[in-house]
Protein backbone atom coordinates (compact mmCIF):
# COMPACT_ATOMS: atom_id res chain seq x y z
CA MET A 1 -34.65 -3.44 -9.78
CA LYS A 2 -31.70 -4.10 -12.11
CA ARG A 3 -32.36 -0.87 -14.00
CA GLU A 4 -32.60 1.09 -10.75
CA LEU A 5 -29.31 -0.40 -9.57
CA ALA A 6 -27.63 0.40 -12.87
CA ALA A 7 -28.91 3.99 -12.70
CA ALA A 8 -27.69 4.39 -9.13
CA LEU A 9 -24.26 3.05 -10.06
CA LEU A 10 -24.03 5.41 -13.02
CA MET A 11 -24.97 8.41 -10.86
CA ALA A 12 -22.35 7.43 -8.32
CA ALA A 13 -19.76 7.12 -11.06
CA CYS A 14 -20.61 10.57 -12.39
CA ALA A 15 -20.35 12.06 -8.90
CA ALA A 16 -16.97 10.40 -8.40
CA SER A 17 -15.74 11.75 -11.74
CA ALA A 18 -16.58 15.33 -10.75
CA ALA A 19 -14.55 15.10 -7.54
CA GLN A 20 -10.78 14.83 -7.13
CA VAL A 21 -10.46 11.07 -7.45
CA LEU A 22 -7.79 8.52 -8.28
CA PHE A 23 -8.94 5.08 -9.35
CA ASP A 24 -6.61 2.55 -10.96
CA ASP A 25 -7.54 -0.99 -11.97
CA PHE A 26 -3.93 -1.68 -13.07
CA ASP A 27 -4.81 -2.18 -16.71
CA ASP A 28 -1.36 -0.69 -17.27
CA LEU A 29 1.33 0.96 -15.15
CA ASP A 30 1.93 4.09 -17.24
CA THR A 31 1.41 6.51 -14.34
CA TRP A 32 3.43 4.50 -11.80
CA THR A 33 7.14 4.21 -11.03
CA VAL A 34 8.75 0.80 -10.45
CA ARG A 35 11.50 1.12 -7.87
CA GLU A 36 15.03 0.37 -9.03
CA ARG A 37 17.15 2.33 -6.53
CA ALA A 38 18.79 0.43 -3.65
CA GLY A 39 18.32 1.44 -0.05
CA HIS A 40 15.87 1.43 2.86
CA PRO A 41 13.69 -0.49 3.64
CA GLY A 42 14.64 -4.13 3.62
CA VAL A 43 17.83 -6.12 3.19
CA PRO A 44 20.89 -3.91 2.52
CA GLY A 45 22.35 -4.80 -0.85
CA ALA A 46 19.11 -6.30 -2.21
CA ARG A 47 17.89 -5.46 -5.70
CA TRP A 48 14.46 -4.05 -6.54
CA GLY A 49 12.05 -5.23 -9.24
CA GLY A 50 9.38 -7.88 -9.15
CA ILE A 51 6.43 -5.84 -10.48
CA HIS A 52 4.03 -7.53 -12.94
CA ARG A 53 0.43 -7.52 -14.08
CA VAL A 54 -1.38 -10.85 -14.24
CA ASP A 55 -4.82 -12.13 -15.19
CA ASP A 56 -7.35 -12.39 -12.38
CA PRO A 57 -8.55 -16.02 -12.18
CA ALA A 58 -11.70 -14.91 -10.32
CA ARG A 59 -12.75 -12.13 -12.72
CA PRO A 60 -12.31 -12.73 -16.46
CA GLY A 61 -10.88 -9.66 -18.20
CA ASN A 62 -9.58 -8.18 -14.96
CA ARG A 63 -5.88 -7.65 -14.35
CA LEU A 64 -4.09 -7.69 -11.00
CA LEU A 65 -0.92 -5.98 -9.86
CA ARG A 66 1.46 -8.63 -8.53
CA LEU A 67 4.49 -7.79 -6.37
CA THR A 68 7.06 -10.58 -6.06
CA ALA A 69 9.98 -10.74 -3.63
CA SER A 70 12.47 -13.58 -3.50
CA THR A 71 15.56 -14.52 -1.53
CA ASP A 72 18.14 -17.29 -1.30
CA GLY A 73 19.19 -16.03 2.12
CA THR A 74 21.91 -13.67 0.87
CA PRO A 75 21.70 -9.93 0.08
CA ALA A 76 22.96 -10.51 -3.48
CA GLY A 77 20.29 -13.16 -3.99
CA THR A 78 17.43 -11.04 -2.68
CA VAL A 79 14.92 -9.09 -4.82
CA GLN A 80 12.25 -6.81 -3.31
CA ALA A 81 9.38 -4.91 -4.95
CA GLN A 82 7.95 -1.39 -4.68
CA LEU A 83 5.56 0.64 -6.85
CA CYS A 84 5.03 4.40 -6.42
CA HIS A 85 2.59 7.02 -7.67
CA ALA A 86 3.09 10.79 -7.90
CA ARG A 87 3.40 12.81 -4.71
CA LYS A 88 0.15 14.81 -4.68
CA PHE A 89 -2.16 13.25 -2.06
CA LEU A 90 -2.87 14.52 1.45
CA ARG A 91 -6.29 14.64 3.13
CA GLY A 92 -9.05 12.31 2.06
CA THR A 93 -9.66 8.59 1.75
CA TYR A 94 -7.10 6.03 0.61
CA ALA A 95 -8.22 2.50 -0.23
CA ALA A 96 -7.02 -0.65 -1.93
CA ARG A 97 -8.16 -4.24 -2.32
CA VAL A 98 -5.05 -6.24 -1.44
CA ARG A 99 -4.27 -9.94 -1.20
CA PHE A 100 -1.85 -10.67 1.63
CA SER A 101 -0.21 -14.10 1.77
CA ASP A 102 1.00 -16.08 4.76
CA ALA A 103 3.31 -18.49 2.90
CA PRO A 104 5.71 -18.35 -0.05
CA VAL A 105 4.57 -19.66 -3.41
CA SER A 106 7.74 -21.78 -3.45
CA GLY A 107 10.61 -22.59 -1.11
CA ARG A 108 10.80 -22.82 2.67
CA ASP A 109 8.53 -20.64 4.78
CA GLY A 110 9.82 -18.42 7.57
CA ASP A 111 11.54 -15.33 6.14
CA PRO A 112 10.39 -12.06 7.81
CA VAL A 113 8.52 -10.63 4.85
CA VAL A 114 6.66 -7.29 5.01
CA GLN A 115 3.65 -6.56 2.77
CA ALA A 116 2.60 -2.89 2.70
CA PHE A 117 0.08 -0.37 1.36
CA TYR A 118 0.84 3.22 2.34
CA ALA A 119 1.15 6.91 1.52
CA ILE A 120 4.46 8.63 2.24
CA SER A 121 6.50 11.79 1.71
CA PRO A 122 10.30 11.91 1.32
CA LEU A 123 12.49 11.85 4.42
CA HIS A 124 14.83 14.76 3.70
CA HIS A 125 17.00 14.11 6.77
CA ASP A 126 16.91 12.23 10.07
CA LEU A 127 13.90 13.21 12.18
CA ASP A 128 12.59 15.46 9.39
CA PRO A 129 9.67 17.37 11.01
CA SER A 130 7.81 17.56 7.69
CA PHE A 131 7.84 13.78 7.15
CA SER A 132 4.37 12.25 6.70
CA GLU A 133 3.26 8.63 6.34
CA VAL A 134 0.20 6.45 6.95
CA ASP A 135 0.40 2.74 6.30
CA PHE A 136 -0.70 -0.84 6.62
CA GLU A 137 2.15 -3.34 7.08
CA TYR A 138 1.51 -7.10 7.32
CA LEU A 139 4.12 -9.42 8.87
CA PRO A 140 2.92 -13.01 8.35
CA ASN A 141 6.18 -14.50 9.68
CA GLY A 142 6.79 -11.96 12.39
CA GLY A 143 9.83 -9.74 12.62
CA TRP A 144 10.83 -6.50 14.36
CA GLY A 145 11.52 -8.33 17.61
CA SER A 146 8.47 -10.60 17.68
CA PRO A 147 7.62 -13.89 15.93
CA ALA A 148 3.88 -13.07 15.97
CA THR A 149 1.82 -12.86 12.80
CA ARG A 150 0.27 -9.38 12.81
CA LEU A 151 -0.99 -6.42 10.82
CA TYR A 152 0.18 -2.92 11.70
CA ALA A 153 -1.85 0.27 11.23
CA ILE A 154 0.56 3.17 11.67
CA SER A 155 0.52 6.97 11.44
CA TRP A 156 3.98 8.53 11.51
CA GLN A 157 5.37 11.73 12.98
CA THR A 158 9.00 11.25 11.89
CA VAL A 159 11.83 8.72 11.85
CA GLN A 160 15.61 8.27 11.90
CA ILE A 161 16.81 5.35 9.79
CA GLU A 162 20.26 4.68 11.30
CA PRO A 163 20.35 4.13 14.17
CA TRP A 164 16.63 3.42 14.13
CA ARG A 165 14.40 5.87 16.04
CA ALA A 166 10.68 5.96 15.21
CA PHE A 167 8.03 8.42 16.38
CA ASN A 168 4.54 7.26 15.50
CA GLN A 169 1.26 5.82 16.70
CA ALA A 170 0.88 2.13 15.87
CA HIS A 171 -1.81 -0.47 16.38
CA GLU A 172 -1.09 -4.20 16.11
CA ALA A 173 -3.85 -6.60 15.05
CA GLY A 174 -2.73 -10.15 15.77
CA GLY A 175 -3.51 -13.23 13.72
CA SER A 176 -3.65 -14.11 10.05
CA PHE A 177 -4.86 -11.73 7.37
CA ASP A 178 -4.15 -14.17 4.56
CA GLY A 179 -6.30 -13.54 1.46
CA TRP A 180 -8.11 -10.54 0.03
CA GLN A 181 -8.59 -7.53 2.32
CA LEU A 182 -10.28 -4.16 1.83
CA LEU A 183 -7.85 -1.63 3.34
CA VAL A 184 -9.09 1.94 3.94
CA MET A 185 -7.26 4.90 5.50
CA GLN A 186 -8.94 8.24 6.22
CA VAL A 187 -6.84 11.36 6.73
CA ASP A 188 -8.28 14.67 7.90
CA ARG A 189 -6.76 17.68 9.68
CA SER A 190 -6.79 16.12 13.14
CA LEU A 191 -7.14 12.34 12.81
CA THR A 192 -6.24 9.29 10.79
CA ARG A 193 -8.40 6.17 10.76
CA HIS A 194 -7.52 2.67 9.54
CA PHE A 195 -10.23 0.18 8.50
CA VAL A 196 -9.90 -3.47 7.47
CA ASN A 197 -12.89 -5.05 5.72
CA GLY A 198 -15.15 -2.32 7.10
CA ARG A 199 -13.96 -2.62 10.71
CA LEU A 200 -12.27 0.35 12.40
CA LEU A 201 -8.85 -0.90 13.45
CA ALA A 202 -7.12 2.27 14.68
CA GLU A 203 -7.52 6.00 15.15
CA HIS A 204 -4.52 8.30 15.57
CA GLY A 205 -4.05 12.02 16.10
CA GLY A 206 -1.79 14.82 17.23
CA ARG A 207 1.56 15.26 15.50
CA ASN A 208 1.18 11.88 13.75
CA VAL A 209 -1.40 13.26 11.30
CA PRO A 210 0.11 13.84 7.80
CA ALA A 211 0.97 17.47 7.10
CA VAL A 212 2.47 17.43 3.57
CA PRO A 213 1.53 15.78 0.26
CA MET A 214 2.39 12.10 -0.05
CA ALA A 215 2.73 9.45 -2.76
CA ILE A 216 0.63 6.26 -2.75
CA GLN A 217 2.86 3.18 -2.71
CA PHE A 218 2.86 -0.61 -2.42
CA SER A 219 5.85 -2.68 -1.36
CA LEU A 220 6.98 -6.21 -0.56
CA TRP A 221 10.31 -6.57 1.25
CA PHE A 222 12.24 -8.53 3.87
CA SER A 223 13.07 -7.27 7.34
CA PRO A 224 16.87 -7.09 7.57
CA GLY A 225 18.73 -9.44 9.86
CA GLY A 226 16.16 -12.22 9.96
CA LEU A 227 16.45 -14.12 6.68
CA LEU A 228 16.56 -17.90 6.85
CA PRO A 229 20.06 -19.30 6.21
CA PRO A 230 21.09 -19.87 2.58
CA GLY A 231 20.39 -23.29 1.13
CA GLY A 232 17.79 -24.92 -1.07
CA PRO A 233 15.68 -23.20 -3.71
CA ALA A 234 14.87 -19.51 -3.50
CA ARG A 235 11.91 -18.53 -1.36
CA ILE A 236 9.36 -16.58 -3.42
CA TYR A 237 6.62 -14.43 -1.83
CA GLN A 238 3.80 -12.60 -3.60
CA MET A 239 1.29 -9.87 -2.81
CA GLU A 240 -1.48 -8.81 -5.20
CA VAL A 241 -3.58 -5.66 -5.63
CA ASP A 242 -6.91 -5.55 -7.44
CA TRP A 243 -7.43 -1.76 -7.42
CA VAL A 244 -6.46 1.44 -5.61
CA PHE A 245 -8.72 4.43 -4.90
CA HIS A 246 -8.31 7.92 -3.42
CA ALA A 247 -10.93 10.63 -2.87
CA ALA A 248 -9.34 13.96 -1.94
CA GLU A 249 -10.86 15.89 0.99
CA GLN A 250 -13.59 13.26 1.46
CA GLN A 251 -13.89 10.95 4.45
CA LEU A 252 -15.58 7.95 2.83
CA ALA A 253 -16.68 4.90 4.75
CA PRO A 254 -15.45 1.54 3.42
CA ALA A 255 -18.93 0.75 2.05
CA GLN A 256 -18.94 4.06 0.16
CA VAL A 257 -15.54 3.24 -1.33
CA GLU A 258 -16.83 -0.13 -2.55
CA THR A 259 -19.90 1.53 -4.07
CA ALA A 260 -17.74 4.09 -5.90
CA VAL A 261 -15.39 1.41 -7.24
CA GLU A 262 -18.30 -0.77 -8.36
CA ALA A 263 -19.80 2.22 -10.14
CA LEU A 264 -16.57 3.05 -11.96
CA ARG A 265 -16.13 -0.56 -13.03
CA ALA A 266 -19.75 -0.80 -14.15
CA ARG A 267 -19.16 1.92 -16.73
CA GLY A 268 -15.89 0.35 -17.90
CA THR A 269 -13.47 2.76 -16.24
CA ARG A 270 -10.01 1.25 -15.84
CA ARG A 271 -8.23 4.38 -14.68
CA LEU A 272 -9.40 7.81 -13.54
CA ASP A 273 -7.17 10.53 -12.11
CA THR A 274 -8.67 13.97 -11.50
CA VAL A 275 -6.35 14.79 -8.59
CA PRO A 276 -4.27 17.76 -9.77
CA ALA A 277 -0.52 17.74 -9.46
CA ALA A 278 0.97 19.69 -6.61
CA ALA A 279 1.75 23.32 -7.49
CA PRO A 280 4.63 23.61 -7.95
CA PRO A 281 5.11 19.92 -8.84
CA LEU A 282 6.85 17.86 -6.19
CA ALA A 283 9.63 15.35 -6.73
CA SER A 284 8.34 11.81 -6.22
CA PRO A 285 11.34 9.60 -5.40
CA CYS A 286 10.52 5.91 -5.19
CA ASN A 287 13.15 5.08 -2.57
CA LEU A 288 11.52 4.70 0.86
């Protein structure tokens, strides 16, 4: 039985290698961009950084991506985190194993922190008709007009940043999502689908379906206008990512994603990227 399982995993890994696939176990960050540029989203005037790799206490030899955001209640004392890949992904399956957290690792709890996994294109101007984005956004301390803990699954048509005007389809799943979650987004020509731990959470269509290549990104930031007052030690929040996966032009079920990732890991693959760059290459700003 063990030999049969090993053979099946190897065959799955070979099949994945032949397709247009991105898999990254975050052994290093050579193909990623760490955001440094100020701007939307989050607290105006905040700095960006807070990207590290750390050992996985549950899996010896494995490394995790850790995003850290901190604040003392002032813009100057706030640091947010964002990591971006190249802009070359459109239809297919996007997936990541992500650890959301409900409470800071130190300091008072209560800041409106946003923890996100998404794919996005640049916003060239307000209400840009070519804008595309699909995302998961977790708000453990509420925000955006509600104190409720909730996870958003959103597919975007377009947006205006200031004053804020959003055109999208959004689903809110209430309650805590603290801990490790398998997040999967499927994008085809007419629909997007969001899955959490194998359960279909949302399905969107129409003009909200992505139409242009996007970049895969992770971010951890604070909703502006809702920080706790200054005072006391800095509040430090963390979000971790075990791996990220994309299969171009394939609508894979969450169980199929897990099988593919297990197969890649079984043969020692830490990073695989057979998704070609856009032709001509597209700028990939890490600023949204």
